[in-house]
Amino acid sequence: AEARLAARLKDGLSLKEAAAELGISVNTARNQIRSVFEKLGVN
């Protein structure tokens, strides 16, 4: 799930647009992106 979201952000979608394309809530996308930040060591 995190990888699918990351791939869409990399392709230029906003968090809201990526969430809509993946069929998840923006809040769920925010939680996933926080986890991605931790794993990649970025903030």
PDB file of all heavy atoms in Angstrom:
ATOM      1  N   ALA A   1       0.838  -1.208   0.000  1.00  0.00           N
ATOM      2  CA  ALA A   1       0.000   0.000   0.000  1.00  0.00           C
ATOM      3  C   ALA A   1       0.868   1.251   0.000  1.00  0.00           C
ATOM      4  O   ALA A   1       0.590   2.222  -0.732  1.00  0.00           O
ATOM      5  CB  ALA A   1      -0.928   0.001   1.211  1.00  0.00           C
ATOM      6  N   GLU A   2       1.930   1.241   0.815  1.00  0.00           N
ATOM      7  CA  GLU A   2       2.830   2.388   0.855  1.00  0.00           C
ATOM      8  C   GLU A   2       3.529   2.580  -0.485  1.00  0.00           C
ATOM      9  O   GLU A   2       3.705   3.710  -0.951  1.00  0.00           O
ATOM     10  CB  GLU A   2       3.875   2.195   1.957  1.00  0.00           C
ATOM     11  CG  GLU A   2       3.297   2.247   3.361  1.00  0.00           C
ATOM     12  CD  GLU A   2       4.277   1.720   4.409  1.00  0.00           C
ATOM     13  OE1 GLU A   2       5.334   1.176   4.018  1.00  0.00           O
ATOM     14  OE2 GLU A   2       3.974   1.842   5.603  1.00  0.00           O
ATOM     15  N   ALA A   3       3.925   1.479  -1.107  1.00  0.00           N
ATOM     16  CA  ALA A   3       4.631   1.555  -2.386  1.00  0.00           C
ATOM     17  C   ALA A   3       3.726   2.111  -3.478  1.00  0.00           C
ATOM     18  O   ALA A   3       4.159   2.903  -4.322  1.00  0.00           O
ATOM     19  CB  ALA A   3       5.151   0.174  -2.775  1.00  0.00           C
ATOM     20  N   ARG A   4       2.452   1.688  -3.483  1.00  0.00           N
ATOM     21  CA  ARG A   4       1.514   2.206  -4.491  1.00  0.00           C
ATOM     22  C   ARG A   4       1.329   3.711  -4.328  1.00  0.00           C
ATOM     23  O   ARG A   4       1.290   4.454  -5.312  1.00  0.00           O
ATOM     24  CB  ARG A   4       0.177   1.474  -4.382  1.00  0.00           C
ATOM     25  CG  ARG A   4       0.204   0.045  -4.894  1.00  0.00           C
ATOM     26  CD  ARG A   4      -1.200  -0.511  -5.051  1.00  0.00           C
ATOM     27  NE  ARG A   4      -1.878  -0.642  -3.767  1.00  0.00           N
ATOM     28  CZ  ARG A   4      -1.839  -1.733  -2.997  1.00  0.00           C
ATOM     29  NH1 ARG A   4      -1.134  -2.783  -3.416  1.00  0.00           N
ATOM     30  NH2 ARG A   4      -2.487  -1.782  -1.860  1.00  0.00           N
ATOM     31  N   LEU A   5       1.214   4.164  -3.090  1.00  0.00           N
ATOM     32  CA  LEU A   5       1.054   5.594  -2.841  1.00  0.00           C
ATOM     33  C   LEU A   5       2.314   6.349  -3.247  1.00  0.00           C
ATOM     34  O   LEU A   5       2.247   7.388  -3.920  1.00  0.00           O
ATOM     35  CB  LEU A   5       0.752   5.827  -1.356  1.00  0.00           C
ATOM     36  CG  LEU A   5       0.663   7.300  -0.914  1.00  0.00           C
ATOM     37  CD1 LEU A   5      -0.466   8.016  -1.648  1.00  0.00           C
ATOM     38  CD2 LEU A   5       0.462   7.395   0.595  1.00  0.00           C
ATOM     39  N   ALA A   6       3.485   5.829  -2.870  1.00  0.00           N
ATOM     40  CA  ALA A   6       4.752   6.490  -3.207  1.00  0.00           C
ATOM     41  C   ALA A   6       4.917   6.614  -4.717  1.00  0.00           C
ATOM     42  O   ALA A   6       5.380   7.645  -5.223  1.00  0.00           O
ATOM     43  CB  ALA A   6       5.917   5.714  -2.604  1.00  0.00           C
ATOM     44  N   ALA A   7       4.555   5.556  -5.455  1.00  0.00           N
ATOM     45  CA  ALA A   7       4.700   5.586  -6.912  1.00  0.00           C
ATOM     46  C   ALA A   7       3.861   6.693  -7.528  1.00  0.00           C
ATOM     47  O   ALA A   7       4.287   7.366  -8.472  1.00  0.00           O
ATOM     48  CB  ALA A   7       4.311   4.231  -7.504  1.00  0.00           C
ATOM     49  N   ARG A   8       2.675   6.923  -6.986  1.00  0.00           N
ATOM     50  CA  ARG A   8       1.804   7.965  -7.541  1.00  0.00           C
ATOM     51  C   ARG A   8       2.285   9.364  -7.174  1.00  0.00           C
ATOM     52  O   ARG A   8       2.185  10.293  -7.964  1.00  0.00           O
ATOM     53  CB  ARG A   8       0.367   7.721  -7.084  1.00  0.00           C
ATOM     54  CG  ARG A   8      -0.296   6.616  -7.892  1.00  0.00           C
ATOM     55  CD  ARG A   8      -1.476   5.975  -7.190  1.00  0.00           C
ATOM     56  NE  ARG A   8      -2.084   4.965  -8.048  1.00  0.00           N
ATOM     57  CZ  ARG A   8      -1.581   3.729  -8.221  1.00  0.00           C
ATOM     58  NH1 ARG A   8      -0.478   3.370  -7.597  1.00  0.00           N
ATOM     59  NH2 ARG A   8      -2.192   2.875  -9.022  1.00  0.00           N
ATOM     60  N   LEU A   9       2.820   9.516  -5.974  1.00  0.00           N
ATOM     61  CA  LEU A   9       3.387  10.810  -5.605  1.00  0.00           C
ATOM     62  C   LEU A   9       4.593  11.130  -6.479  1.00  0.00           C
ATOM     63  O   LEU A   9       4.797  12.272  -6.900  1.00  0.00           O
ATOM     64  CB  LEU A   9       3.788  10.801  -4.126  1.00  0.00           C
ATOM     65  CG  LEU A   9       2.647  10.694  -3.111  1.00  0.00           C
ATOM     66  CD1 LEU A   9       3.203  10.644  -1.710  1.00  0.00           C
ATOM     67  CD2 LEU A   9       1.666  11.848  -3.262  1.00  0.00           C
ATOM     68  N   LYS A  10       5.392  10.105  -6.752  1.00  0.00           N
ATOM     69  CA  LYS A  10       6.561  10.315  -7.606  1.00  0.00           C
ATOM     70  C   LYS A  10       6.151  10.767  -9.003  1.00  0.00           C
ATOM     71  O   LYS A  10       6.839  11.547  -9.652  1.00  0.00           O
ATOM     72  CB  LYS A  10       7.381   9.021  -7.670  1.00  0.00           C
ATOM     73  CG  LYS A  10       8.704   9.111  -8.419  1.00  0.00           C
ATOM     74  CD  LYS A  10       8.600   8.760  -9.869  1.00  0.00           C
ATOM     75  CE  LYS A  10       8.240   7.315 -10.069  1.00  0.00           C
ATOM     76  NZ  LYS A  10       8.112   6.987 -11.520  1.00  0.00           N
ATOM     77  N   ASP A  11       4.991  10.303  -9.474  1.00  0.00           N
ATOM     78  CA  ASP A  11       4.537  10.660 -10.815  1.00  0.00           C
ATOM     79  C   ASP A  11       3.847  12.015 -10.858  1.00  0.00           C
ATOM     80  O   ASP A  11       3.309  12.404 -11.891  1.00  0.00           O
ATOM     81  CB  ASP A  11       3.599   9.581 -11.359  1.00  0.00           C
ATOM     82  CG  ASP A  11       4.353   8.343 -11.791  1.00  0.00           C
ATOM     83  OD1 ASP A  11       5.554   8.458 -12.077  1.00  0.00           O
ATOM     84  OD2 ASP A  11       3.749   7.256 -11.833  1.00  0.00           O
ATOM     85  N   GLY A  12       3.827  12.738  -9.712  1.00  0.00           N
ATOM     86  CA  GLY A  12       3.350  14.114  -9.744  1.00  0.00           C
ATOM     87  C   GLY A  12       1.972  14.349  -9.181  1.00  0.00           C
ATOM     88  O   GLY A  12       1.483  15.482  -9.198  1.00  0.00           O
ATOM     89  N   LEU A  13       1.290  13.296  -8.681  1.00  0.00           N
ATOM     90  CA  LEU A  13      -0.026  13.508  -8.097  1.00  0.00           C
ATOM     91  C   LEU A  13       0.114  14.124  -6.711  1.00  0.00           C
ATOM     92  O   LEU A  13       1.090  13.875  -5.994  1.00  0.00           O
ATOM     93  CB  LEU A  13      -0.785  12.183  -7.982  1.00  0.00           C
ATOM     94  CG  LEU A  13      -1.129  11.450  -9.288  1.00  0.00           C
ATOM     95  CD1 LEU A  13      -1.947  10.211  -8.984  1.00  0.00           C
ATOM     96  CD2 LEU A  13      -1.875  12.353 -10.248  1.00  0.00           C
ATOM     97  N   SER A  14      -0.860  14.930  -6.328  1.00  0.00           N
ATOM     98  CA  SER A  14      -0.907  15.415  -4.960  1.00  0.00           C
ATOM     99  C   SER A  14      -1.386  14.279  -4.062  1.00  0.00           C
ATOM    100  O   SER A  14      -1.880  13.245  -4.531  1.00  0.00           O
ATOM    101  CB  SER A  14      -1.857  16.602  -4.840  1.00  0.00           C
ATOM    102  OG  SER A  14      -3.203  16.168  -5.049  1.00  0.00           O
ATOM    103  N   LEU A  15      -1.252  14.470  -2.748  1.00  0.00           N
ATOM    104  CA  LEU A  15      -1.692  13.433  -1.816  1.00  0.00           C
ATOM    105  C   LEU A  15      -3.187  13.172  -1.986  1.00  0.00           C
ATOM    106  O   LEU A  15      -3.636  12.016  -1.969  1.00  0.00           O
ATOM    107  CB  LEU A  15      -1.380  13.859  -0.375  1.00  0.00           C
ATOM    108  CG  LEU A  15      -1.425  12.750   0.675  1.00  0.00           C
ATOM    109  CD1 LEU A  15      -0.339  11.713   0.404  1.00  0.00           C
ATOM    110  CD2 LEU A  15      -1.253  13.337   2.078  1.00  0.00           C
ATOM    111  N   LYS A  16      -3.951  14.234  -2.176  1.00  0.00           N
ATOM    112  CA  LYS A  16      -5.399  14.096  -2.360  1.00  0.00           C
ATOM    113  C   LYS A  16      -5.712  13.339  -3.651  1.00  0.00           C
ATOM    114  O   LYS A  16      -6.565  12.444  -3.674  1.00  0.00           O
ATOM    115  CB  LYS A  16      -6.046  15.481  -2.375  1.00  0.00           C
ATOM    116  CG  LYS A  16      -7.562  15.457  -2.492  1.00  0.00           C
ATOM    117  CD  LYS A  16      -8.127  16.869  -2.435  1.00  0.00           C
ATOM    118  CE  LYS A  16      -9.648  16.852  -2.564  1.00  0.00           C
ATOM    119  NZ  LYS A  16     -10.213  18.230  -2.527  1.00  0.00           N
ATOM    120  N   GLU A  17      -5.020  13.692  -4.739  1.00  0.00           N
ATOM    121  CA  GLU A  17      -5.259  13.015  -6.020  1.00  0.00           C
ATOM    122  C   GLU A  17      -4.859  11.546  -5.950  1.00  0.00           C
ATOM    123  O   GLU A  17      -5.561  10.677  -6.481  1.00  0.00           O
ATOM    124  CB  GLU A  17      -4.464  13.714  -7.125  1.00  0.00           C
ATOM    125  CG  GLU A  17      -4.967  15.109  -7.452  1.00  0.00           C
ATOM    126  CD  GLU A  17      -3.993  15.881  -8.329  1.00  0.00           C
ATOM    127  OE1 GLU A  17      -2.780  15.556  -8.321  1.00  0.00           O
ATOM    128  OE2 GLU A  17      -4.438  16.826  -9.007  1.00  0.00           O
ATOM    129  N   ALA A  18      -3.729  11.269  -5.298  1.00  0.00           N
ATOM    130  CA  ALA A  18      -3.271   9.886  -5.173  1.00  0.00           C
ATOM    131  C   ALA A  18      -4.256   9.069  -4.359  1.00  0.00           C
ATOM    132  O   ALA A  18      -4.571   7.915  -4.696  1.00  0.00           O
ATOM    133  CB  ALA A  18      -1.892   9.844  -4.526  1.00  0.00           C
ATOM    134  N   ALA A  19      -4.781   9.654  -3.269  1.00  0.00           N
ATOM    135  CA  ALA A  19      -5.754   8.950  -2.434  1.00  0.00           C
ATOM    136  C   ALA A  19      -7.009   8.622  -3.237  1.00  0.00           C
ATOM    137  O   ALA A  19      -7.545   7.509  -3.157  1.00  0.00           O
ATOM    138  CB  ALA A  19      -6.099   9.799  -1.214  1.00  0.00           C
ATOM    139  N   ALA A  20      -7.473   9.590  -4.034  1.00  0.00           N
ATOM    140  CA  ALA A  20      -8.680   9.358  -4.845  1.00  0.00           C
ATOM    141  C   ALA A  20      -8.449   8.249  -5.863  1.00  0.00           C
ATOM    142  O   ALA A  20      -9.312   7.386  -6.072  1.00  0.00           O
ATOM    143  CB  ALA A  20      -9.082  10.659  -5.544  1.00  0.00           C
ATOM    144  N   GLU A  21      -7.277   8.241  -6.499  1.00  0.00           N
ATOM    145  CA  GLU A  21      -6.980   7.219  -7.503  1.00  0.00           C
ATOM    146  C   GLU A  21      -6.881   5.832  -6.877  1.00  0.00           C
ATOM    147  O   GLU A  21      -7.258   4.836  -7.495  1.00  0.00           O
ATOM    148  CB  GLU A  21      -5.679   7.574  -8.222  1.00  0.00           C
ATOM    149  CG  GLU A  21      -5.363   6.648  -9.383  1.00  0.00           C
ATOM    150  CD  GLU A  21      -4.208   7.145 -10.229  1.00  0.00           C
ATOM    151  OE1 GLU A  21      -4.302   8.287 -10.740  1.00  0.00           O
ATOM    152  OE2 GLU A  21      -3.234   6.393 -10.384  1.00  0.00           O
ATOM    153  N   LEU A  22      -6.371   5.776  -5.643  1.00  0.00           N
ATOM    154  CA  LEU A  22      -6.213   4.488  -4.962  1.00  0.00           C
ATOM    155  C   LEU A  22      -7.468   4.055  -4.221  1.00  0.00           C
ATOM    156  O   LEU A  22      -7.520   2.937  -3.692  1.00  0.00           O
ATOM    157  CB  LEU A  22      -5.034   4.571  -3.982  1.00  0.00           C
ATOM    158  CG  LEU A  22      -3.651   4.707  -4.616  1.00  0.00           C
ATOM    159  CD1 LEU A  22      -2.616   5.044  -3.549  1.00  0.00           C
ATOM    160  CD2 LEU A  22      -3.260   3.430  -5.346  1.00  0.00           C
ATOM    161  N   GLY A  23      -8.461   4.954  -4.138  1.00  0.00           N
ATOM    162  CA  GLY A  23      -9.700   4.605  -3.450  1.00  0.00           C
ATOM    163  C   GLY A  23      -9.559   4.552  -1.939  1.00  0.00           C
ATOM    164  O   GLY A  23     -10.213   3.737  -1.271  1.00  0.00           O
ATOM    165  N   ILE A  24      -8.680   5.408  -1.372  1.00  0.00           N
ATOM    166  CA  ILE A  24      -8.502   5.462   0.072  1.00  0.00           C
ATOM    167  C   ILE A  24      -8.765   6.880   0.542  1.00  0.00           C
ATOM    168  O   ILE A  24      -8.802   7.824  -0.258  1.00  0.00           O
ATOM    169  CB  ILE A  24      -7.072   5.034   0.499  1.00  0.00           C
ATOM    170  CG1 ILE A  24      -6.026   5.956  -0.132  1.00  0.00           C
ATOM    171  CG2 ILE A  24      -6.816   3.585   0.118  1.00  0.00           C
ATOM    172  CD1 ILE A  24      -4.594   5.660   0.288  1.00  0.00           C
ATOM    173  N   SER A  25      -8.969   7.059   1.839  1.00  0.00           N
ATOM    174  CA  SER A  25      -9.213   8.388   2.372  1.00  0.00           C
ATOM    175  C   SER A  25      -7.904   9.168   2.446  1.00  0.00           C
ATOM    176  O   SER A  25      -6.814   8.587   2.503  1.00  0.00           O
ATOM    177  CB  SER A  25      -9.830   8.302   3.773  1.00  0.00           C
ATOM    178  OG  SER A  25      -8.873   7.806   4.699  1.00  0.00           O
ATOM    179  N   VAL A  26      -8.019  10.485   2.455  1.00  0.00           N
ATOM    180  CA  VAL A  26      -6.831  11.322   2.571  1.00  0.00           C
ATOM    181  C   VAL A  26      -6.143  11.065   3.900  1.00  0.00           C
ATOM    182  O   VAL A  26      -4.908  11.068   3.990  1.00  0.00           O
ATOM    183  CB  VAL A  26      -7.204  12.811   2.426  1.00  0.00           C
ATOM    184  CG1 VAL A  26      -5.996  13.708   2.686  1.00  0.00           C
ATOM    185  CG2 VAL A  26      -7.760  13.080   1.032  1.00  0.00           C
ATOM    186  N   ASN A  27      -6.932  10.816   4.951  1.00  0.00           N
ATOM    187  CA  ASN A  27      -6.343  10.544   6.264  1.00  0.00           C
ATOM    188  C   ASN A  27      -5.501   9.263   6.230  1.00  0.00           C
ATOM    189  O   ASN A  27      -4.400   9.200   6.791  1.00  0.00           O
ATOM    190  CB  ASN A  27      -7.451  10.420   7.310  1.00  0.00           C
ATOM    191  CG  ASN A  27      -6.883  10.374   8.721  1.00  0.00           C
ATOM    192  OD1 ASN A  27      -6.102  11.232   9.118  1.00  0.00           O
ATOM    193  ND2 ASN A  27      -7.273   9.360   9.478  1.00  0.00           N
ATOM    194  N   THR A  28      -6.024   8.222   5.544  1.00  0.00           N
ATOM    195  CA  THR A  28      -5.259   6.971   5.397  1.00  0.00           C
ATOM    196  C   THR A  28      -3.967   7.232   4.630  1.00  0.00           C
ATOM    197  O   THR A  28      -2.899   6.721   4.978  1.00  0.00           O
ATOM    198  CB  THR A  28      -6.092   5.911   4.660  1.00  0.00           C
ATOM    199  OG1 THR A  28      -7.249   5.613   5.440  1.00  0.00           O
ATOM    200  CG2 THR A  28      -5.294   4.635   4.433  1.00  0.00           C
ATOM    201  N   ALA A  29      -4.059   8.041   3.571  1.00  0.00           N
ATOM    202  CA  ALA A  29      -2.867   8.369   2.787  1.00  0.00           C
ATOM    203  C   ALA A  29      -1.843   9.102   3.648  1.00  0.00           C
ATOM    204  O   ALA A  29      -0.634   8.850   3.542  1.00  0.00           O
ATOM    205  CB  ALA A  29      -3.260   9.220   1.577  1.00  0.00           C
ATOM    206  N   ARG A  30      -2.316  10.012   4.513  1.00  0.00           N
ATOM    207  CA  ARG A  30      -1.380  10.734   5.395  1.00  0.00           C
ATOM    208  C   ARG A  30      -0.666   9.769   6.331  1.00  0.00           C
ATOM    209  O   ARG A  30       0.546   9.891   6.566  1.00  0.00           O
ATOM    210  CB  ARG A  30      -2.142  11.785   6.207  1.00  0.00           C
ATOM    211  CG  ARG A  30      -2.609  12.997   5.396  1.00  0.00           C
ATOM    212  CD  ARG A  30      -2.979  14.151   6.315  1.00  0.00           C
ATOM    213  NE  ARG A  30      -3.528  15.263   5.549  1.00  0.00           N
ATOM    214  CZ  ARG A  30      -4.820  15.546   5.457  1.00  0.00           C
ATOM    215  NH1 ARG A  30      -5.702  14.779   6.099  1.00  0.00           N
ATOM    216  NH2 ARG A  30      -5.234  16.569   4.751  1.00  0.00           N
ATOM    217  N   ASN A  31      -1.402   8.810   6.877  1.00  0.00           N
ATOM    218  CA  ASN A  31      -0.778   7.836   7.773  1.00  0.00           C
ATOM    219  C   ASN A  31       0.268   7.004   7.039  1.00  0.00           C
ATOM    220  O   ASN A  31       1.343   6.720   7.567  1.00  0.00           O
ATOM    221  CB  ASN A  31      -1.851   6.916   8.379  1.00  0.00           C
ATOM    222  CG  ASN A  31      -2.736   7.650   9.366  1.00  0.00           C
ATOM    223  OD1 ASN A  31      -2.324   8.642   9.969  1.00  0.00           O
ATOM    224  ND2 ASN A  31      -3.965   7.182   9.524  1.00  0.00           N
ATOM    225  N   GLN A  32      -0.067   6.610   5.808  1.00  0.00           N
ATOM    226  CA  GLN A  32       0.875   5.807   5.024  1.00  0.00           C
ATOM    227  C   GLN A  32       2.126   6.613   4.689  1.00  0.00           C
ATOM    228  O   GLN A  32       3.245   6.087   4.738  1.00  0.00           O
ATOM    229  CB  GLN A  32       0.202   5.309   3.740  1.00  0.00           C
ATOM    230  CG  GLN A  32      -0.864   4.253   3.974  1.00  0.00           C
ATOM    231  CD  GLN A  32      -1.540   3.840   2.680  1.00  0.00           C
ATOM    232  OE1 GLN A  32      -1.239   4.355   1.609  1.00  0.00           O
ATOM    233  NE2 GLN A  32      -2.477   2.897   2.790  1.00  0.00           N
ATOM    234  N   ILE A  33       1.943   7.894   4.365  1.00  0.00           N
ATOM    235  CA  ILE A  33       3.101   8.680   3.962  1.00  0.00           C
ATOM    236  C   ILE A  33       4.006   8.950   5.154  1.00  0.00           C
ATOM    237  O   ILE A  33       5.233   9.036   5.009  1.00  0.00           O
ATOM    238  CB  ILE A  33       2.661   9.998   3.271  1.00  0.00           C
ATOM    239  CG1 ILE A  33       3.734  10.455   2.277  1.00  0.00           C
ATOM    240  CG2 ILE A  33       2.408  11.108   4.267  1.00  0.00           C
ATOM    241  CD1 ILE A  33       3.960   9.495   1.152  1.00  0.00           C
ATOM    242  N   ARG A  34       3.448   9.043   6.362  1.00  0.00           N
ATOM    243  CA  ARG A  34       4.288   9.201   7.550  1.00  0.00           C
ATOM    244  C   ARG A  34       5.177   7.974   7.746  1.00  0.00           C
ATOM    245  O   ARG A  34       6.359   8.078   8.089  1.00  0.00           O
ATOM    246  CB  ARG A  34       3.416   9.440   8.787  1.00  0.00           C
ATOM    247  CG  ARG A  34       2.993  10.890   8.967  1.00  0.00           C
ATOM    248  CD  ARG A  34       2.474  11.139  10.364  1.00  0.00           C
ATOM    249  NE  ARG A  34       1.196  10.484  10.592  1.00  0.00           N
ATOM    250  CZ  ARG A  34       0.030  11.057  10.371  1.00  0.00           C
ATOM    251  NH1 ARG A  34      -0.032  12.308   9.926  1.00  0.00           N
ATOM    252  NH2 ARG A  34      -1.105  10.405  10.599  1.00  0.00           N
ATOM    253  N   SER A  35       4.595   6.798   7.486  1.00  0.00           N
ATOM    254  CA  SER A  35       5.370   5.568   7.592  1.00  0.00           C
ATOM    255  C   SER A  35       6.479   5.525   6.540  1.00  0.00           C
ATOM    256  O   SER A  35       7.606   5.102   6.813  1.00  0.00           O
ATOM    257  CB  SER A  35       4.450   4.349   7.426  1.00  0.00           C
ATOM    258  OG  SER A  35       5.204   3.155   7.421  1.00  0.00           O
ATOM    259  N   VAL A  36       6.167   5.991   5.331  1.00  0.00           N
ATOM    260  CA  VAL A  36       7.172   6.033   4.262  1.00  0.00           C
ATOM    261  C   VAL A  36       8.303   6.973   4.647  1.00  0.00           C
ATOM    262  O   VAL A  36       9.486   6.664   4.436  1.00  0.00           O
ATOM    263  CB  VAL A  36       6.519   6.475   2.930  1.00  0.00           C
ATOM    264  CG1 VAL A  36       7.590   6.681   1.858  1.00  0.00           C
ATOM    265  CG2 VAL A  36       5.510   5.431   2.459  1.00  0.00           C
ATOM    266  N   PHE A  37       7.949   8.128   5.219  1.00  0.00           N
ATOM    267  CA  PHE A  37       8.974   9.073   5.666  1.00  0.00           C
ATOM    268  C   PHE A  37       9.952   8.400   6.613  1.00  0.00           C
ATOM    269  O   PHE A  37      11.173   8.550   6.505  1.00  0.00           O
ATOM    270  CB  PHE A  37       8.328  10.269   6.375  1.00  0.00           C
ATOM    271  CG  PHE A  37       7.682  11.265   5.455  1.00  0.00           C
ATOM    272  CD1 PHE A  37       6.928  12.308   5.958  1.00  0.00           C
ATOM    273  CD2 PHE A  37       7.816  11.158   4.069  1.00  0.00           C
ATOM    274  CE1 PHE A  37       6.328  13.232   5.118  1.00  0.00           C
ATOM    275  CE2 PHE A  37       7.217  12.070   3.227  1.00  0.00           C
ATOM    276  CZ  PHE A  37       6.463  13.118   3.750  1.00  0.00           C
ATOM    277  N   GLU A  38       9.410   7.649   7.579  1.00  0.00           N
ATOM    278  CA  GLU A  38      10.254   6.995   8.572  1.00  0.00           C
ATOM    279  C   GLU A  38      11.190   5.983   7.917  1.00  0.00           C
ATOM    280  O   GLU A  38      12.374   5.892   8.256  1.00  0.00           O
ATOM    281  CB  GLU A  38       9.380   6.315   9.625  1.00  0.00           C
ATOM    282  CG  GLU A  38       8.607   7.304  10.500  1.00  0.00           C
ATOM    283  CD  GLU A  38       7.656   6.591  11.450  1.00  0.00           C
ATOM    284  OE1 GLU A  38       7.653   5.339  11.442  1.00  0.00           O
ATOM    285  OE2 GLU A  38       6.922   7.277  12.192  1.00  0.00           O
ATOM    286  N   LYS A  39      10.680   5.213   6.979  1.00  0.00           N
ATOM    287  CA  LYS A  39      11.487   4.162   6.355  1.00  0.00           C
ATOM    288  C   LYS A  39      12.575   4.726   5.446  1.00  0.00           C
ATOM    289  O   LYS A  39      13.615   4.106   5.274  1.00  0.00           O
ATOM    290  CB  LYS A  39      10.579   3.206   5.564  1.00  0.00           C
ATOM    291  CG  LYS A  39       9.676   2.371   6.464  1.00  0.00           C
ATOM    292  CD  LYS A  39       8.789   1.442   5.672  1.00  0.00           C
ATOM    293  CE  LYS A  39       7.912   0.596   6.593  1.00  0.00           C
ATOM    294  NZ  LYS A  39       7.030  -0.315   5.853  1.00  0.00           N
ATOM    295  N   LEU A  40      12.325   5.876   4.846  1.00  0.00           N
ATOM    296  CA  LEU A  40      13.321   6.470   3.958  1.00  0.00           C
ATOM    297  C   LEU A  40      14.218   7.467   4.672  1.00  0.00           C
ATOM    298  O   LEU A  40      15.162   7.988   4.079  1.00  0.00           O
ATOM    299  CB  LEU A  40      12.647   7.158   2.764  1.00  0.00           C
ATOM    300  CG  LEU A  40      12.454   6.271   1.524  1.00  0.00           C
ATOM    301  CD1 LEU A  40      11.420   5.199   1.763  1.00  0.00           C
ATOM    302  CD2 LEU A  40      12.077   7.100   0.317  1.00  0.00           C
ATOM    303  N   GLY A  41      13.929   7.750   5.928  1.00  0.00           N
ATOM    304  CA  GLY A  41      14.751   8.695   6.669  1.00  0.00           C
ATOM    305  C   GLY A  41      14.578  10.125   6.205  1.00  0.00           C
ATOM    306  O   GLY A  41      15.527  10.907   6.218  1.00  0.00           O
ATOM    307  N   VAL A  42      13.366  10.478   5.772  1.00  0.00           N
ATOM    308  CA  VAL A  42      13.101  11.853   5.339  1.00  0.00           C
ATOM    309  C   VAL A  42      11.941  12.401   6.152  1.00  0.00           C
ATOM    310  O   VAL A  42      11.207  11.653   6.803  1.00  0.00           O
ATOM    311  CB  VAL A  42      12.764  11.922   3.832  1.00  0.00           C
ATOM    312  CG1 VAL A  42      13.917  11.410   3.006  1.00  0.00           C
ATOM    313  CG2 VAL A  42      11.500  11.123   3.517  1.00  0.00           C
ATOM    314  N   ASN A  43      11.780  13.708   6.112  1.00  0.00           N
ATOM    315  CA  ASN A  43      10.658  14.306   6.850  1.00  0.00           C
ATOM    316  C   ASN A  43       9.899  15.332   6.024  1.00  0.00           C
ATOM    317  O   ASN A  43       9.078  16.058   6.553  1.00  0.00           O
ATOM    318  CB  ASN A  43      11.146  14.952   8.159  1.00  0.00           C
ATOM    319  CG  ASN A  43      12.265  15.953   7.914  1.00  0.00           C
ATOM    320  OD1 ASN A  43      12.416  16.460   6.808  1.00  0.00           O
ATOM    321  ND2 ASN A  43      13.048  16.212   8.942  1.00  0.00           N
TER     322      ASN A  43
END
